[in-house]
Amino acid sequence: MKSVFVVLMTATIVAAGAQAGLAASHRVDPVCTISPNPAAVGATYVVSASGIPTGTAINLWVTDPSGATTGSPLGSTPDGTFGMNESSASAGLWTYAFSGPVKQHTDVYASCSVAAS
């Protein structure tokens, strides 16, 4: 009876470890995309992010062609995605970065850029 218990416990531990490894191997790295890209100045384009952490505050940082950066809180996401309509006020490279707090610092989860002309 004792050996059956040991075999069952070993099988349970191995199965749990396999499931944890499978879940970890299917983790999705955050991705940011902009469509269409390039875009005309003043035209609307869609900035999308996926794979963003859930249940934590997310911020959007926009850097314009002059290098000035502004931030906006987006809140949290239940499914790890954000999508928003944006437009560029001037020609040049505009960069969008999604970030959030991690312990004592802020991590940028995903960023992407659009060329406006």
C-alpha atoms as a PDB file:
ATOM      1  CA  MET A   1       0.000   0.000   0.000  1.00  0.00           C
ATOM      2  CA  LYS A   2       2.833   2.371   0.862  1.00  0.00           C
ATOM      3  CA  SER A   3       4.484   1.834  -2.557  1.00  0.00           C
ATOM      4  CA  VAL A   4       1.185   2.589  -4.356  1.00  0.00           C
ATOM      5  CA  PHE A   5       0.930   5.877  -2.439  1.00  0.00           C
ATOM      6  CA  VAL A   6       4.524   6.788  -3.369  1.00  0.00           C
ATOM      7  CA  VAL A   7       3.862   6.002  -7.052  1.00  0.00           C
ATOM      8  CA  LEU A   8       0.679   8.107  -7.055  1.00  0.00           C
ATOM      9  CA  MET A   9       2.395  11.053  -5.349  1.00  0.00           C
ATOM     10  CA  THR A  10       5.305  10.881  -7.802  1.00  0.00           C
ATOM     11  CA  ALA A  11       2.924  10.809 -10.769  1.00  0.00           C
ATOM     12  CA  THR A  12       1.006  13.803  -9.374  1.00  0.00           C
ATOM     13  CA  ILE A  13       4.191  15.830  -8.890  1.00  0.00           C
ATOM     14  CA  VAL A  14       5.465  14.978 -12.388  1.00  0.00           C
ATOM     15  CA  ALA A  15       2.108  15.907 -13.955  1.00  0.00           C
ATOM     16  CA  ALA A  16       1.966  19.225 -12.077  1.00  0.00           C
ATOM     17  CA  GLY A  17       5.513  20.062 -13.154  1.00  0.00           C
ATOM     18  CA  ALA A  18       4.704  19.250 -16.779  1.00  0.00           C
ATOM     19  CA  GLN A  19       1.649  21.516 -16.707  1.00  0.00           C
ATOM     20  CA  ALA A  20       3.662  24.380 -15.190  1.00  0.00           C
ATOM     21  CA  GLY A  21       6.370  23.946 -17.818  1.00  0.00           C
ATOM     22  CA  LEU A  22       3.784  23.870 -20.594  1.00  0.00           C
ATOM     23  CA  ALA A  23       2.142  27.070 -19.320  1.00  0.00           C
ATOM     24  CA  ALA A  24       5.494  28.820 -19.029  1.00  0.00           C
ATOM     25  CA  SER A  25       6.508  27.809 -22.548  1.00  0.00           C
ATOM     26  CA  HIS A  26       3.297  29.323 -23.956  1.00  0.00           C
ATOM     27  CA  ARG A  27       3.794  32.735 -22.328  1.00  0.00           C
ATOM     28  CA  VAL A  28       3.292  35.493 -24.875  1.00  0.00           C
ATOM     29  CA  ASP A  29       5.768  38.367 -25.043  1.00  0.00           C
ATOM     30  CA  PRO A  30       4.021  41.737 -25.296  1.00  0.00           C
ATOM     31  CA  VAL A  31       3.682  43.116 -28.813  1.00  0.00           C
ATOM     32  CA  CYS A  32       2.857  46.620 -30.051  1.00  0.00           C
ATOM     33  CA  THR A  33       1.695  47.337 -33.614  1.00  0.00           C
ATOM     34  CA  ILE A  34       0.483  50.395 -35.523  1.00  0.00           C
ATOM     35  CA  SER A  35      -1.752  50.233 -38.574  1.00  0.00           C
ATOM     36  CA  PRO A  36      -1.487  51.736 -41.077  1.00  0.00           C
ATOM     37  CA  ASN A  37       2.205  52.499 -40.902  1.00  0.00           C
ATOM     38  CA  PRO A  38       3.401  54.870 -42.298  1.00  0.00           C
ATOM     39  CA  ALA A  39       0.503  57.290 -41.844  1.00  0.00           C
ATOM     40  CA  ALA A  40      -0.335  60.757 -43.119  1.00  0.00           C
ATOM     41  CA  VAL A  41      -0.106  63.667 -40.667  1.00  0.00           C
ATOM     42  CA  GLY A  42      -3.538  64.101 -39.075  1.00  0.00           C
ATOM     43  CA  ALA A  43      -4.802  60.704 -40.279  1.00  0.00           C
ATOM     44  CA  THR A  44      -6.145  58.203 -37.759  1.00  0.00           C
ATOM     45  CA  TYR A  45      -4.188  55.004 -37.122  1.00  0.00           C
ATOM     46  CA  VAL A  46      -4.646  52.218 -34.589  1.00  0.00           C
ATOM     47  CA  VAL A  47      -2.067  51.565 -31.877  1.00  0.00           C
ATOM     48  CA  SER A  48      -2.528  48.033 -30.495  1.00  0.00           C
ATOM     49  CA  ALA A  49      -0.768  46.126 -27.736  1.00  0.00           C
ATOM     50  CA  SER A  50      -1.211  42.508 -26.702  1.00  0.00           C
ATOM     51  CA  GLY A  51       0.424  40.313 -24.082  1.00  0.00           C
ATOM     52  CA  ILE A  52       0.415  43.173 -21.563  1.00  0.00           C
ATOM     53  CA  PRO A  53       0.220  42.067 -17.895  1.00  0.00           C
ATOM     54  CA  THR A  54      -3.289  41.922 -16.452  1.00  0.00           C
ATOM     55  CA  GLY A  55      -4.440  43.296 -13.111  1.00  0.00           C
ATOM     56  CA  THR A  56      -1.820  46.048 -12.908  1.00  0.00           C
ATOM     57  CA  ALA A  57      -1.744  49.725 -13.827  1.00  0.00           C
ATOM     58  CA  ILE A  58      -0.643  50.400 -17.406  1.00  0.00           C
ATOM     59  CA  ASN A  59       0.620  53.737 -18.737  1.00  0.00           C
ATOM     60  CA  LEU A  60       0.981  54.947 -22.310  1.00  0.00           C
ATOM     61  CA  TRP A  61       4.015  57.100 -23.166  1.00  0.00           C
ATOM     62  CA  VAL A  62       4.042  59.027 -26.447  1.00  0.00           C
ATOM     63  CA  THR A  63       7.279  60.501 -27.775  1.00  0.00           C
ATOM     64  CA  ASP A  64       6.924  62.996 -30.615  1.00  0.00           C
ATOM     65  CA  PRO A  65       9.524  63.712 -33.331  1.00  0.00           C
ATOM     66  CA  SER A  66      11.130  66.488 -31.232  1.00  0.00           C
ATOM     67  CA  GLY A  67      11.802  64.000 -28.399  1.00  0.00           C
ATOM     68  CA  ALA A  68       9.149  65.352 -26.023  1.00  0.00           C
ATOM     69  CA  THR A  69       7.394  62.559 -24.094  1.00  0.00           C
ATOM     70  CA  THR A  70       3.958  62.693 -22.483  1.00  0.00           C
ATOM     71  CA  GLY A  71       2.338  59.998 -20.383  1.00  0.00           C
ATOM     72  CA  SER A  72      -1.235  58.932 -19.799  1.00  0.00           C
ATOM     73  CA  PRO A  73      -2.643  56.325 -17.414  1.00  0.00           C
ATOM     74  CA  LEU A  74      -4.660  53.636 -19.190  1.00  0.00           C
ATOM     75  CA  GLY A  75      -5.752  51.647 -16.143  1.00  0.00           C
ATOM     76  CA  SER A  76      -5.591  47.869 -16.197  1.00  0.00           C
ATOM     77  CA  THR A  77      -6.618  45.326 -18.782  1.00  0.00           C
ATOM     78  CA  PRO A  78      -8.545  42.122 -18.036  1.00  0.00           C
ATOM     79  CA  ASP A  79      -7.258  40.348 -21.161  1.00  0.00           C
ATOM     80  CA  GLY A  80      -3.813  41.869 -21.754  1.00  0.00           C
ATOM     81  CA  THR A  81      -4.791  43.972 -24.776  1.00  0.00           C
ATOM     82  CA  PHE A  82      -5.198  47.649 -25.583  1.00  0.00           C
ATOM     83  CA  GLY A  83      -6.254  49.268 -28.841  1.00  0.00           C
ATOM     84  CA  MET A  84      -6.733  52.957 -29.482  1.00  0.00           C
ATOM     85  CA  ASN A  85      -7.131  55.403 -32.324  1.00  0.00           C
ATOM     86  CA  GLU A  86      -4.332  57.965 -32.522  1.00  0.00           C
ATOM     87  CA  SER A  87      -3.091  60.582 -34.982  1.00  0.00           C
ATOM     88  CA  SER A  88       0.109  62.557 -35.434  1.00  0.00           C
ATOM     89  CA  ALA A  89       0.091  66.350 -35.327  1.00  0.00           C
ATOM     90  CA  SER A  90       3.388  66.705 -37.208  1.00  0.00           C
ATOM     91  CA  ALA A  91       5.665  64.789 -39.558  1.00  0.00           C
ATOM     92  CA  GLY A  92       8.332  62.492 -38.164  1.00  0.00           C
ATOM     93  CA  LEU A  93       8.675  59.403 -36.006  1.00  0.00           C
ATOM     94  CA  TRP A  94       6.146  58.987 -33.184  1.00  0.00           C
ATOM     95  CA  THR A  95       6.794  56.284 -30.565  1.00  0.00           C
ATOM     96  CA  TYR A  96       4.214  54.646 -28.293  1.00  0.00           C
ATOM     97  CA  ALA A  97       5.327  52.687 -25.205  1.00  0.00           C
ATOM     98  CA  PHE A  98       3.192  50.699 -22.761  1.00  0.00           C
ATOM     99  CA  SER A  99       4.650  50.474 -19.255  1.00  0.00           C
ATOM    100  CA  GLY A 100       3.764  49.492 -15.731  1.00  0.00           C
ATOM    101  CA  PRO A 101       5.169  49.436 -12.206  1.00  0.00           C
ATOM    102  CA  VAL A 102       7.389  46.543 -11.154  1.00  0.00           C
ATOM    103  CA  LYS A 103       8.633  46.676  -7.545  1.00  0.00           C
ATOM    104  CA  GLN A 104      10.868  49.775  -7.321  1.00  0.00           C
ATOM    105  CA  HIS A 105      10.890  50.742 -11.023  1.00  0.00           C
ATOM    106  CA  THR A 106       8.821  50.909 -14.211  1.00  0.00           C
ATOM    107  CA  ASP A 107       9.086  48.329 -17.012  1.00  0.00           C
ATOM    108  CA  VAL A 108       8.309  49.082 -20.636  1.00  0.00           C
ATOM    109  CA  TYR A 109       6.309  46.073 -21.797  1.00  0.00           C
ATOM    110  CA  ALA A 110       5.990  46.943 -25.491  1.00  0.00           C
ATOM    111  CA  SER A 111       6.728  49.849 -27.801  1.00  0.00           C
ATOM    112  CA  CYS A 112       6.253  50.670 -31.465  1.00  0.00           C
ATOM    113  CA  SER A 113       6.670  53.630 -33.772  1.00  0.00           C
ATOM    114  CA  VAL A 114       4.873  55.183 -36.730  1.00  0.00           C
ATOM    115  CA  ALA A 115       6.362  57.383 -39.427  1.00  0.00           C
ATOM    116  CA  ALA A 116       4.030  60.311 -40.088  1.00  0.00           C
ATOM    117  CA  SER A 117       4.439  62.327 -43.290  1.00  0.00           C
END
